[in-house]
Amino acid sequence: MELITSNEQFEELISQDQPVVVKFFTGWCPDCRRMDMFIEEIMKEYNQYGWYEMNKDEFPEIAEKYTVMGIPSLLVYRNGEKIAHLHSANAKSPEQVQEFLQTV
């Protein structure tokens, strides 16, 4: 998963025709590390998405704009718009993430 390092990079990535998944995380989040243990297999299965991650603490204005209250959260964007949002409470297992991606 590629790390987003600037506002400009974020805006460019979410503006694509191809849907992209952005995982919001922080360095101090134990659930984020747990997700890291299973997300690789899901990324392979759902390779129609571009996969990126963004540290919520480094980009609080983007997190606030897109209502990222808990972490990890997975947000799906296409053509500059958020089209789906998996909140942290529902992102604790591979099954929950897969079920979310099947509905997008």
N, C-alpha and C. Protein backbone atom coordinates (compact mmCIF):
# COMPACT_ATOMS: atom_id res chain seq x y z
N MET A 1 0.85 -1.17 0.00
CA MET A 1 0.00 0.00 0.00
C MET A 1 0.90 1.23 0.00
N GLU A 2 0.67 2.11 -0.95
CA GLU A 2 1.50 3.31 -1.08
C GLU A 2 1.04 4.38 -0.10
N LEU A 3 2.00 5.03 0.55
CA LEU A 3 1.71 6.08 1.52
C LEU A 3 1.49 7.41 0.80
N ILE A 4 0.40 8.07 1.13
CA ILE A 4 0.13 9.42 0.61
C ILE A 4 0.86 10.41 1.49
N THR A 5 1.63 11.29 0.85
CA THR A 5 2.50 12.19 1.61
C THR A 5 2.19 13.68 1.43
N SER A 6 1.15 14.01 0.63
CA SER A 6 0.81 15.42 0.46
C SER A 6 -0.67 15.57 0.10
N ASN A 7 -1.19 16.76 0.35
CA ASN A 7 -2.57 17.07 -0.04
C ASN A 7 -2.74 16.95 -1.55
N GLU A 8 -1.74 17.41 -2.29
CA GLU A 8 -1.82 17.38 -3.74
C GLU A 8 -1.87 15.94 -4.26
N GLN A 9 -1.05 15.08 -3.69
CA GLN A 9 -1.06 13.67 -4.08
C GLN A 9 -2.43 13.05 -3.79
N PHE A 10 -2.99 13.33 -2.63
CA PHE A 10 -4.31 12.82 -2.27
C PHE A 10 -5.35 13.26 -3.29
N GLU A 11 -5.40 14.55 -3.59
CA GLU A 11 -6.39 15.08 -4.54
C GLU A 11 -6.24 14.45 -5.92
N GLU A 12 -5.00 14.28 -6.35
CA GLU A 12 -4.75 13.67 -7.65
C GLU A 12 -5.23 12.22 -7.68
N LEU A 13 -4.93 11.47 -6.64
CA LEU A 13 -5.31 10.05 -6.59
C LEU A 13 -6.82 9.85 -6.55
N ILE A 14 -7.52 10.64 -5.74
CA ILE A 14 -8.97 10.42 -5.62
C ILE A 14 -9.73 10.92 -6.85
N SER A 15 -9.08 11.70 -7.70
CA SER A 15 -9.74 12.25 -8.89
C SER A 15 -9.73 11.30 -10.08
N GLN A 16 -9.12 10.15 -9.94
CA GLN A 16 -9.01 9.21 -11.04
C GLN A 16 -10.36 8.55 -11.35
N ASP A 17 -10.46 8.02 -12.59
CA ASP A 17 -11.63 7.22 -12.98
C ASP A 17 -11.63 5.89 -12.24
N GLN A 18 -10.42 5.32 -12.04
CA GLN A 18 -10.32 4.05 -11.31
C GLN A 18 -10.61 4.32 -9.84
N PRO A 19 -11.47 3.50 -9.23
CA PRO A 19 -11.71 3.70 -7.80
C PRO A 19 -10.46 3.41 -6.98
N VAL A 20 -10.26 4.20 -5.94
CA VAL A 20 -9.13 4.01 -5.05
C VAL A 20 -9.63 3.85 -3.62
N VAL A 21 -8.94 3.00 -2.87
CA VAL A 21 -9.21 2.81 -1.46
C VAL A 21 -8.10 3.51 -0.68
N VAL A 22 -8.50 4.37 0.24
CA VAL A 22 -7.53 5.05 1.11
C VAL A 22 -7.79 4.57 2.53
N LYS A 23 -6.76 3.96 3.11
CA LYS A 23 -6.84 3.54 4.51
C LYS A 23 -6.28 4.67 5.37
N PHE A 24 -7.12 5.19 6.26
CA PHE A 24 -6.67 6.18 7.23
C PHE A 24 -6.20 5.43 8.47
N PHE A 25 -5.01 5.78 8.95
CA PHE A 25 -4.40 5.09 10.08
C PHE A 25 -3.62 6.10 10.92
N THR A 26 -3.10 5.64 12.05
CA THR A 26 -2.11 6.39 12.82
C THR A 26 -1.06 5.41 13.30
N GLY A 27 0.07 5.92 13.72
CA GLY A 27 1.15 5.08 14.20
C GLY A 27 0.86 4.44 15.56
N TRP A 28 -0.05 5.02 16.31
CA TRP A 28 -0.32 4.52 17.67
C TRP A 28 -1.55 3.61 17.74
N CYS A 29 -2.12 3.25 16.60
CA CYS A 29 -3.39 2.52 16.56
C CYS A 29 -3.19 1.00 16.49
N PRO A 30 -3.56 0.26 17.55
CA PRO A 30 -3.39 -1.20 17.51
C PRO A 30 -4.29 -1.88 16.48
N ASP A 31 -5.50 -1.35 16.25
CA ASP A 31 -6.37 -1.95 15.24
C ASP A 31 -5.81 -1.75 13.83
N CYS A 32 -5.07 -0.68 13.63
CA CYS A 32 -4.42 -0.45 12.32
C CYS A 32 -3.37 -1.53 12.07
N ARG A 33 -2.59 -1.85 13.08
CA ARG A 33 -1.57 -2.90 12.93
C ARG A 33 -2.22 -4.25 12.71
N ARG A 34 -3.35 -4.49 13.36
CA ARG A 34 -4.07 -5.74 13.16
C ARG A 34 -4.57 -5.83 11.71
N MET A 35 -5.10 -4.72 11.18
CA MET A 35 -5.55 -4.72 9.78
C MET A 35 -4.38 -4.98 8.84
N ASP A 36 -3.22 -4.43 9.15
CA ASP A 36 -2.04 -4.65 8.30
C ASP A 36 -1.72 -6.13 8.17
N MET A 37 -2.10 -6.93 9.16
CA MET A 37 -1.79 -8.36 9.13
C MET A 37 -2.64 -9.11 8.10
N PHE A 38 -3.80 -8.57 7.70
CA PHE A 38 -4.64 -9.29 6.75
C PHE A 38 -4.96 -8.53 5.47
N ILE A 39 -4.59 -7.27 5.38
CA ILE A 39 -5.04 -6.46 4.23
C ILE A 39 -4.36 -6.85 2.92
N GLU A 40 -3.15 -7.39 2.97
CA GLU A 40 -2.44 -7.75 1.73
C GLU A 40 -3.24 -8.73 0.88
N GLU A 41 -3.80 -9.75 1.49
CA GLU A 41 -4.59 -10.74 0.75
C GLU A 41 -5.84 -10.11 0.14
N ILE A 42 -6.45 -9.20 0.86
CA ILE A 42 -7.64 -8.52 0.35
C ILE A 42 -7.26 -7.62 -0.82
N MET A 43 -6.12 -6.97 -0.73
CA MET A 43 -5.66 -6.11 -1.83
C MET A 43 -5.46 -6.94 -3.10
N LYS A 44 -4.94 -8.14 -2.98
CA LYS A 44 -4.76 -9.01 -4.14
C LYS A 44 -6.10 -9.42 -4.73
N GLU A 45 -7.05 -9.74 -3.86
CA GLU A 45 -8.38 -10.17 -4.30
C GLU A 45 -9.15 -9.02 -4.97
N TYR A 46 -9.00 -7.83 -4.44
CA TYR A 46 -9.72 -6.66 -4.96
C TYR A 46 -8.74 -5.72 -5.67
N ASN A 47 -8.10 -6.26 -6.68
CA ASN A 47 -7.06 -5.49 -7.38
C ASN A 47 -7.61 -4.51 -8.40
N GLN A 48 -8.93 -4.41 -8.51
CA GLN A 48 -9.52 -3.39 -9.38
C GLN A 48 -9.41 -2.00 -8.75
N TYR A 49 -9.02 -1.96 -7.47
CA TYR A 49 -8.84 -0.70 -6.76
C TYR A 49 -7.36 -0.35 -6.69
N GLY A 50 -7.08 0.95 -6.69
CA GLY A 50 -5.77 1.42 -6.27
C GLY A 50 -5.80 1.49 -4.76
N TRP A 51 -4.75 1.05 -4.09
CA TRP A 51 -4.73 0.99 -2.62
C TRP A 51 -3.68 1.96 -2.08
N TYR A 52 -4.10 2.83 -1.16
CA TYR A 52 -3.22 3.83 -0.57
C TYR A 52 -3.53 3.95 0.92
N GLU A 53 -2.58 4.54 1.63
CA GLU A 53 -2.82 4.80 3.05
C GLU A 53 -2.37 6.20 3.38
N MET A 54 -3.01 6.75 4.42
CA MET A 54 -2.76 8.14 4.81
C MET A 54 -2.81 8.22 6.33
N ASN A 55 -1.79 8.86 6.91
CA ASN A 55 -1.75 9.02 8.36
C ASN A 55 -2.71 10.14 8.76
N LYS A 56 -3.76 9.78 9.49
CA LYS A 56 -4.79 10.73 9.90
C LYS A 56 -4.21 11.87 10.71
N ASP A 57 -3.21 11.60 11.54
CA ASP A 57 -2.61 12.64 12.37
C ASP A 57 -1.84 13.67 11.56
N GLU A 58 -1.34 13.28 10.39
CA GLU A 58 -0.58 14.21 9.54
C GLU A 58 -1.48 15.02 8.63
N PHE A 59 -2.73 14.57 8.43
CA PHE A 59 -3.66 15.27 7.54
C PHE A 59 -5.03 15.42 8.21
N PRO A 60 -5.07 16.11 9.37
CA PRO A 60 -6.34 16.20 10.10
C PRO A 60 -7.44 16.91 9.32
N GLU A 61 -7.08 17.86 8.45
CA GLU A 61 -8.10 18.59 7.70
C GLU A 61 -8.79 17.68 6.68
N ILE A 62 -8.05 16.77 6.07
CA ILE A 62 -8.66 15.82 5.13
C ILE A 62 -9.53 14.83 5.89
N ALA A 63 -9.02 14.34 7.01
CA ALA A 63 -9.80 13.41 7.83
C ALA A 63 -11.12 14.06 8.27
N GLU A 64 -11.06 15.30 8.66
CA GLU A 64 -12.28 16.00 9.10
C GLU A 64 -13.24 16.21 7.93
N LYS A 65 -12.70 16.61 6.79
CA LYS A 65 -13.54 16.86 5.61
C LYS A 65 -14.34 15.61 5.22
N TYR A 66 -13.72 14.43 5.34
CA TYR A 66 -14.36 13.19 4.92
C TYR A 66 -14.91 12.37 6.10
N THR A 67 -15.06 13.02 7.26
CA THR A 67 -15.70 12.43 8.44
C THR A 67 -15.02 11.13 8.89
N VAL A 68 -13.69 11.16 8.94
CA VAL A 68 -12.94 10.02 9.46
C VAL A 68 -12.82 10.21 10.97
N MET A 69 -13.70 9.55 11.71
CA MET A 69 -13.72 9.71 13.15
C MET A 69 -12.88 8.64 13.86
N GLY A 70 -12.89 7.43 13.34
CA GLY A 70 -12.13 6.35 13.95
C GLY A 70 -11.14 5.76 12.97
N ILE A 71 -10.18 5.04 13.50
CA ILE A 71 -9.18 4.43 12.66
C ILE A 71 -9.00 2.97 13.04
N PRO A 72 -8.65 2.11 12.13
CA PRO A 72 -8.52 2.38 10.71
C PRO A 72 -9.89 2.55 10.06
N SER A 73 -9.94 3.40 9.06
CA SER A 73 -11.13 3.55 8.22
C SER A 73 -10.70 3.40 6.78
N LEU A 74 -11.54 2.74 6.00
CA LEU A 74 -11.30 2.60 4.57
C LEU A 74 -12.32 3.45 3.83
N LEU A 75 -11.83 4.36 2.99
CA LEU A 75 -12.70 5.20 2.19
C LEU A 75 -12.43 4.90 0.72
N VAL A 76 -13.48 4.81 -0.06
CA VAL A 76 -13.35 4.55 -1.48
C VAL A 76 -13.74 5.82 -2.22
N TYR A 77 -12.88 6.23 -3.15
CA TYR A 77 -13.10 7.44 -3.94
C TYR A 77 -13.06 7.10 -5.43
N ARG A 78 -13.82 7.88 -6.20
CA ARG A 78 -13.73 7.82 -7.66
C ARG A 78 -14.16 9.19 -8.19
N ASN A 79 -13.42 9.67 -9.15
CA ASN A 79 -13.71 10.97 -9.78
C ASN A 79 -13.87 12.09 -8.75
N GLY A 80 -13.03 12.05 -7.70
CA GLY A 80 -13.01 13.11 -6.71
C GLY A 80 -14.08 13.04 -5.64
N GLU A 81 -14.90 12.00 -5.66
CA GLU A 81 -15.97 11.89 -4.66
C GLU A 81 -15.82 10.63 -3.82
N LYS A 82 -16.16 10.76 -2.55
CA LYS A 82 -16.19 9.58 -1.67
C LYS A 82 -17.43 8.79 -2.01
N ILE A 83 -17.24 7.52 -2.38
CA ILE A 83 -18.39 6.70 -2.76
C ILE A 83 -18.71 5.62 -1.72
N ALA A 84 -17.82 5.40 -0.76
CA ALA A 84 -18.07 4.43 0.30
C ALA A 84 -17.13 4.69 1.46
N HIS A 85 -17.55 4.28 2.66
CA HIS A 85 -16.76 4.53 3.88
C HIS A 85 -16.99 3.38 4.84
N LEU A 86 -15.92 2.67 5.16
CA LEU A 86 -15.98 1.62 6.18
C LEU A 86 -15.38 2.18 7.45
N HIS A 87 -16.25 2.41 8.44
CA HIS A 87 -15.82 2.99 9.71
C HIS A 87 -15.05 1.97 10.53
N SER A 88 -14.21 2.45 11.39
CA SER A 88 -13.30 1.61 12.17
C SER A 88 -14.00 0.51 12.95
N ALA A 89 -15.17 0.77 13.48
CA ALA A 89 -15.88 -0.24 14.28
C ALA A 89 -16.24 -1.47 13.45
N ASN A 90 -16.36 -1.29 12.13
CA ASN A 90 -16.74 -2.38 11.23
C ASN A 90 -15.58 -2.88 10.38
N ALA A 91 -14.36 -2.54 10.77
CA ALA A 91 -13.18 -2.89 9.98
C ALA A 91 -12.19 -3.74 10.80
N LYS A 92 -12.72 -4.60 11.64
CA LYS A 92 -11.86 -5.35 12.56
C LYS A 92 -11.43 -6.72 12.04
N SER A 93 -12.08 -7.21 10.97
CA SER A 93 -11.75 -8.55 10.48
C SER A 93 -11.69 -8.56 8.96
N PRO A 94 -11.01 -9.54 8.40
CA PRO A 94 -10.97 -9.65 6.93
C PRO A 94 -12.38 -9.80 6.35
N GLU A 95 -13.22 -10.53 7.04
CA GLU A 95 -14.59 -10.74 6.54
C GLU A 95 -15.38 -9.44 6.46
N GLN A 96 -15.20 -8.58 7.44
CA GLN A 96 -15.91 -7.29 7.42
C GLN A 96 -15.43 -6.43 6.27
N VAL A 97 -14.12 -6.42 6.01
CA VAL A 97 -13.57 -5.63 4.91
C VAL A 97 -14.03 -6.19 3.57
N GLN A 98 -14.00 -7.50 3.42
CA GLN A 98 -14.44 -8.12 2.16
C GLN A 98 -15.93 -7.84 1.91
N GLU A 99 -16.73 -7.97 2.95
CA GLU A 99 -18.17 -7.71 2.81
C GLU A 99 -18.41 -6.26 2.37
N PHE A 100 -17.67 -5.32 2.96
CA PHE A 100 -17.77 -3.91 2.57
C PHE A 100 -17.41 -3.74 1.10
N LEU A 101 -16.30 -4.32 0.66
CA LEU A 101 -15.85 -4.13 -0.72
C LEU A 101 -16.81 -4.77 -1.73
N GLN A 102 -17.51 -5.80 -1.33
CA GLN A 102 -18.48 -6.45 -2.22
C GLN A 102 -19.69 -5.54 -2.47
N THR A 103 -19.94 -4.60 -1.59
CA THR A 103 -21.10 -3.72 -1.74
C THR A 103 -20.77 -2.42 -2.48
N VAL A 104 -19.51 -2.15 -2.72
CA VAL A 104 -19.12 -0.88 -3.36
C VAL A 104 -19.39 -0.96 -4.85
